[in-house]
Structure formats: C-alpha cells, structure tokens
Amino acid sequence: MRAFFLSRSHSFRNAFSGWWFVIRSQRNAWIHGLATVLVIILGIWLGLSTIEWSIIVLAITLVWLTEFLNTALEATVDLASPQEHRLAKVGKDVSAAAVLISALSSIVIGLLILGPPLLDKLKLLFAQ
C-alpha cells in the first residue's frame, strides 16, 4: 500500500511540474490565466446557474487542455527535430490552431452565457 501512495505522490509531482512548466514558459498561458480569473469573478458576480457554470468550466478546461497539449507537442517536436523541418512546422502550427479554435469557441460561449446577464446588471447599475 505504501508503494501505491508513493507512486501516486510521484505522479502528482510530475503533473505539477508540467503545470508549472507551462505557466512559466508559455506567455499565452498567462493570458488564459487572466481570462480564467476574470470569467470566474464575473460568473460569481452574475450568479450563474449550475448548468451555466458547467458549460463555462468545460470551456475553460478546453482552452487549458489544448494549451497544455500544444506545449507538450512543441517540446516533443523540438526534441525529435531540432533542425527546422516543414513537417515539424506543420505539427506546431496545427497544434497552435487547436488552441486558437478552443479559445475562440470559449469566447463565444462566454459571450452567450455571460453577455445577457451582464448587460442586465449594467443597465441596472447605470439606470440609477
């Protein structure tokens, strides 16, 4: 049993090391982080429903997941092909496009869910 918990401990340590690498080395991760915090604060202020939170959390997770996979793919491609290669560039570009698609879709989801209640709240605030 001790070996099981020790191996789980190492697995979590490795996962957090990867997480820290992404935060430390990827500028876009800071943008995702800021957006995540702002959306969470806005969602709390607007009093989102459980279903709305579920969709927002899935959208946030999708962006982070694609950013992490993009970083992993870039590192792997750099290891496998340290010299410039057309196919290495294609792999990196397609992976970056996946992050872009997830970020854009998350923006649309955020506007659809947060937009109407935000407009209602702002109308109330500025009507006084």
C-alpha atoms as a PDB file:
ATOM      1  CA  MET A   1       0.000   0.000   0.000  1.00  0.00           C
ATOM      2  CA  ARG A   2       2.872   2.344   0.803  1.00  0.00           C
ATOM      3  CA  ALA A   3       4.335   1.800  -2.680  1.00  0.00           C
ATOM      4  CA  PHE A   4       0.985   2.693  -4.244  1.00  0.00           C
ATOM      5  CA  PHE A   5       0.774   6.019  -2.401  1.00  0.00           C
ATOM      6  CA  LEU A   6       4.420   6.764  -3.097  1.00  0.00           C
ATOM      7  CA  SER A   7       3.917   6.200  -6.838  1.00  0.00           C
ATOM      8  CA  ARG A   8       0.775   8.407  -6.775  1.00  0.00           C
ATOM      9  CA  SER A   9       2.810  11.078  -4.998  1.00  0.00           C
ATOM     10  CA  HIS A  10       5.431  10.952  -7.764  1.00  0.00           C
ATOM     11  CA  SER A  11       2.720  11.112 -10.429  1.00  0.00           C
ATOM     12  CA  PHE A  12       1.213  14.225  -8.867  1.00  0.00           C
ATOM     13  CA  ARG A  13       4.647  15.797  -8.512  1.00  0.00           C
ATOM     14  CA  ASN A  14       5.331  15.166 -12.219  1.00  0.00           C
ATOM     15  CA  ALA A  15       1.938  16.602 -13.183  1.00  0.00           C
ATOM     16  CA  PHE A  16       2.503  19.746 -11.129  1.00  0.00           C
ATOM     17  CA  SER A  17       5.982  20.057 -12.631  1.00  0.00           C
ATOM     18  CA  GLY A  18       4.414  20.015 -16.095  1.00  0.00           C
ATOM     19  CA  TRP A  19       1.803  22.534 -14.994  1.00  0.00           C
ATOM     20  CA  TRP A  20       4.493  24.833 -13.626  1.00  0.00           C
ATOM     21  CA  PHE A  21       6.492  24.479 -16.873  1.00  0.00           C
ATOM     22  CA  VAL A  22       3.505  25.658 -18.927  1.00  0.00           C
ATOM     23  CA  ILE A  23       2.816  28.604 -16.604  1.00  0.00           C
ATOM     24  CA  ARG A  24       6.486  29.548 -16.502  1.00  0.00           C
ATOM     25  CA  SER A  25       7.302  29.193 -20.200  1.00  0.00           C
ATOM     26  CA  GLN A  26       4.163  29.996 -22.187  1.00  0.00           C
ATOM     27  CA  ARG A  27       3.123  33.651 -22.472  1.00  0.00           C
ATOM     28  CA  ASN A  28      -0.330  32.660 -23.692  1.00  0.00           C
ATOM     29  CA  ALA A  29      -0.863  30.672 -20.503  1.00  0.00           C
ATOM     30  CA  TRP A  30      -0.774  33.964 -18.608  1.00  0.00           C
ATOM     31  CA  ILE A  31      -3.485  35.316 -20.912  1.00  0.00           C
ATOM     32  CA  HIS A  32      -5.542  32.165 -20.342  1.00  0.00           C
ATOM     33  CA  GLY A  33      -4.969  32.514 -16.598  1.00  0.00           C
ATOM     34  CA  LEU A  34      -6.104  36.134 -16.529  1.00  0.00           C
ATOM     35  CA  ALA A  35      -9.166  35.289 -18.639  1.00  0.00           C
ATOM     36  CA  THR A  36      -9.971  32.360 -16.346  1.00  0.00           C
ATOM     37  CA  VAL A  37      -9.836  34.527 -13.226  1.00  0.00           C
ATOM     38  CA  LEU A  38     -11.906  37.310 -14.818  1.00  0.00           C
ATOM     39  CA  VAL A  39     -14.573  34.885 -16.062  1.00  0.00           C
ATOM     40  CA  ILE A  40     -14.812  33.218 -12.640  1.00  0.00           C
ATOM     41  CA  ILE A  41     -15.156  36.582 -10.876  1.00  0.00           C
ATOM     42  CA  LEU A  42     -17.739  37.720 -13.412  1.00  0.00           C
ATOM     43  CA  GLY A  43     -19.644  34.434 -13.086  1.00  0.00           C
ATOM     44  CA  ILE A  44     -19.781  34.786  -9.309  1.00  0.00           C
ATOM     45  CA  TRP A  45     -20.950  38.397  -9.598  1.00  0.00           C
ATOM     46  CA  LEU A  46     -23.642  37.436 -12.111  1.00  0.00           C
ATOM     47  CA  GLY A  47     -24.788  34.429 -10.050  1.00  0.00           C
ATOM     48  CA  LEU A  48     -24.563  31.840 -12.803  1.00  0.00           C
ATOM     49  CA  SER A  49     -26.675  28.705 -12.560  1.00  0.00           C
ATOM     50  CA  THR A  50     -25.156  25.257 -12.141  1.00  0.00           C
ATOM     51  CA  ILE A  51     -25.673  24.464 -15.831  1.00  0.00           C
ATOM     52  CA  GLU A  52     -24.066  27.759 -16.872  1.00  0.00           C
ATOM     53  CA  TRP A  53     -21.096  27.105 -14.569  1.00  0.00           C
ATOM     54  CA  SER A  54     -20.759  23.621 -16.022  1.00  0.00           C
ATOM     55  CA  ILE A  55     -20.527  24.989 -19.552  1.00  0.00           C
ATOM     56  CA  ILE A  56     -18.112  27.752 -18.516  1.00  0.00           C
ATOM     57  CA  VAL A  57     -15.879  25.242 -16.686  1.00  0.00           C
ATOM     58  CA  LEU A  58     -15.854  22.964 -19.743  1.00  0.00           C
ATOM     59  CA  ALA A  59     -14.908  25.893 -21.987  1.00  0.00           C
ATOM     60  CA  ILE A  60     -12.099  26.971 -19.628  1.00  0.00           C
ATOM     61  CA  THR A  61     -10.875  23.378 -19.373  1.00  0.00           C
ATOM     62  CA  LEU A  62     -10.863  23.014 -23.157  1.00  0.00           C
ATOM     63  CA  VAL A  63      -8.615  26.062 -23.561  1.00  0.00           C
ATOM     64  CA  TRP A  64      -6.207  24.944 -20.849  1.00  0.00           C
ATOM     65  CA  LEU A  65      -6.164  21.385 -22.174  1.00  0.00           C
ATOM     66  CA  THR A  66      -5.290  22.496 -25.698  1.00  0.00           C
ATOM     67  CA  GLU A  67      -2.617  24.882 -24.366  1.00  0.00           C
ATOM     68  CA  PHE A  68      -1.016  22.069 -22.369  1.00  0.00           C
ATOM     69  CA  LEU A  69      -1.170  19.639 -25.305  1.00  0.00           C
ATOM     70  CA  ASN A  70       0.250  22.303 -27.616  1.00  0.00           C
ATOM     71  CA  THR A  71       3.172  22.859 -25.254  1.00  0.00           C
ATOM     72  CA  ALA A  72       3.792  19.107 -24.983  1.00  0.00           C
ATOM     73  CA  LEU A  73       3.687  18.679 -28.760  1.00  0.00           C
ATOM     74  CA  GLU A  74       6.039  21.619 -29.334  1.00  0.00           C
ATOM     75  CA  ALA A  75       8.556  20.180 -26.862  1.00  0.00           C
ATOM     76  CA  THR A  76       8.317  16.733 -28.450  1.00  0.00           C
ATOM     77  CA  VAL A  77       8.732  18.131 -31.969  1.00  0.00           C
ATOM     78  CA  ASP A  78      11.734  20.198 -30.843  1.00  0.00           C
ATOM     79  CA  LEU A  79      13.304  17.067 -29.390  1.00  0.00           C
ATOM     80  CA  ALA A  80      12.599  14.927 -32.454  1.00  0.00           C
ATOM     81  CA  SER A  81      13.515  17.593 -34.995  1.00  0.00           C
ATOM     82  CA  PRO A  82      15.957  20.149 -33.557  1.00  0.00           C
ATOM     83  CA  GLN A  83      16.633  21.440 -37.065  1.00  0.00           C
ATOM     84  CA  GLU A  84      13.902  23.265 -38.973  1.00  0.00           C
ATOM     85  CA  HIS A  85      11.676  20.943 -40.963  1.00  0.00           C
ATOM     86  CA  ARG A  86       8.499  21.638 -42.922  1.00  0.00           C
ATOM     87  CA  LEU A  87       6.554  18.846 -41.205  1.00  0.00           C
ATOM     88  CA  ALA A  88       7.719  19.940 -37.753  1.00  0.00           C
ATOM     89  CA  LYS A  89       6.354  23.392 -38.546  1.00  0.00           C
ATOM     90  CA  VAL A  90       3.069  21.895 -39.733  1.00  0.00           C
ATOM     91  CA  GLY A  91       2.714  19.944 -36.474  1.00  0.00           C
ATOM     92  CA  LYS A  92       3.375  23.024 -34.372  1.00  0.00           C
ATOM     93  CA  ASP A  93       1.102  25.247 -36.451  1.00  0.00           C
ATOM     94  CA  VAL A  94      -1.794  22.790 -36.346  1.00  0.00           C
ATOM     95  CA  SER A  95      -1.387  22.407 -32.594  1.00  0.00           C
ATOM     96  CA  ALA A  96      -1.391  26.188 -32.168  1.00  0.00           C
ATOM     97  CA  ALA A  97      -4.520  26.352 -34.342  1.00  0.00           C
ATOM     98  CA  ALA A  98      -6.234  23.937 -31.954  1.00  0.00           C
ATOM     99  CA  VAL A  99      -5.549  26.350 -29.093  1.00  0.00           C
ATOM    100  CA  LEU A 100      -6.897  29.225 -31.175  1.00  0.00           C
ATOM    101  CA  ILE A 101     -10.072  27.302 -32.027  1.00  0.00           C
ATOM    102  CA  SER A 102     -10.671  26.390 -28.385  1.00  0.00           C
ATOM    103  CA  ALA A 103     -10.026  29.981 -27.251  1.00  0.00           C
ATOM    104  CA  LEU A 104     -12.370  31.442 -29.875  1.00  0.00           C
ATOM    105  CA  SER A 105     -15.112  28.941 -29.080  1.00  0.00           C
ATOM    106  CA  SER A 106     -14.698  29.719 -25.376  1.00  0.00           C
ATOM    107  CA  ILE A 107     -15.104  33.421 -26.112  1.00  0.00           C
ATOM    108  CA  VAL A 108     -18.347  32.692 -27.973  1.00  0.00           C
ATOM    109  CA  ILE A 109     -19.569  30.509 -25.101  1.00  0.00           C
ATOM    110  CA  GLY A 110     -18.632  33.219 -22.610  1.00  0.00           C
ATOM    111  CA  LEU A 111     -20.483  35.879 -24.592  1.00  0.00           C
ATOM    112  CA  LEU A 112     -23.575  33.689 -24.903  1.00  0.00           C
ATOM    113  CA  ILE A 113     -23.673  32.825 -21.202  1.00  0.00           C
ATOM    114  CA  LEU A 114     -22.242  35.941 -19.564  1.00  0.00           C
ATOM    115  CA  GLY A 115     -23.405  38.563 -22.052  1.00  0.00           C
ATOM    116  CA  PRO A 116     -27.160  38.789 -21.356  1.00  0.00           C
ATOM    117  CA  PRO A 117     -26.961  38.833 -17.535  1.00  0.00           C
ATOM    118  CA  LEU A 118     -24.012  41.239 -17.697  1.00  0.00           C
ATOM    119  CA  LEU A 119     -25.984  43.642 -19.886  1.00  0.00           C
ATOM    120  CA  ASP A 120     -28.945  43.399 -17.489  1.00  0.00           C
ATOM    121  CA  LYS A 121     -26.730  44.148 -14.486  1.00  0.00           C
ATOM    122  CA  LEU A 122     -25.019  47.046 -16.229  1.00  0.00           C
ATOM    123  CA  LYS A 123     -28.381  48.526 -17.213  1.00  0.00           C
ATOM    124  CA  LEU A 124     -29.451  48.381 -13.564  1.00  0.00           C
ATOM    125  CA  LEU A 125     -26.199  49.949 -12.381  1.00  0.00           C
ATOM    126  CA  PHE A 126     -26.276  52.822 -14.840  1.00  0.00           C
ATOM    127  CA  ALA A 127     -30.036  53.419 -14.610  1.00  0.00           C
ATOM    128  CA  GLN A 128     -29.674  54.766 -11.085  1.00  0.00           C
END
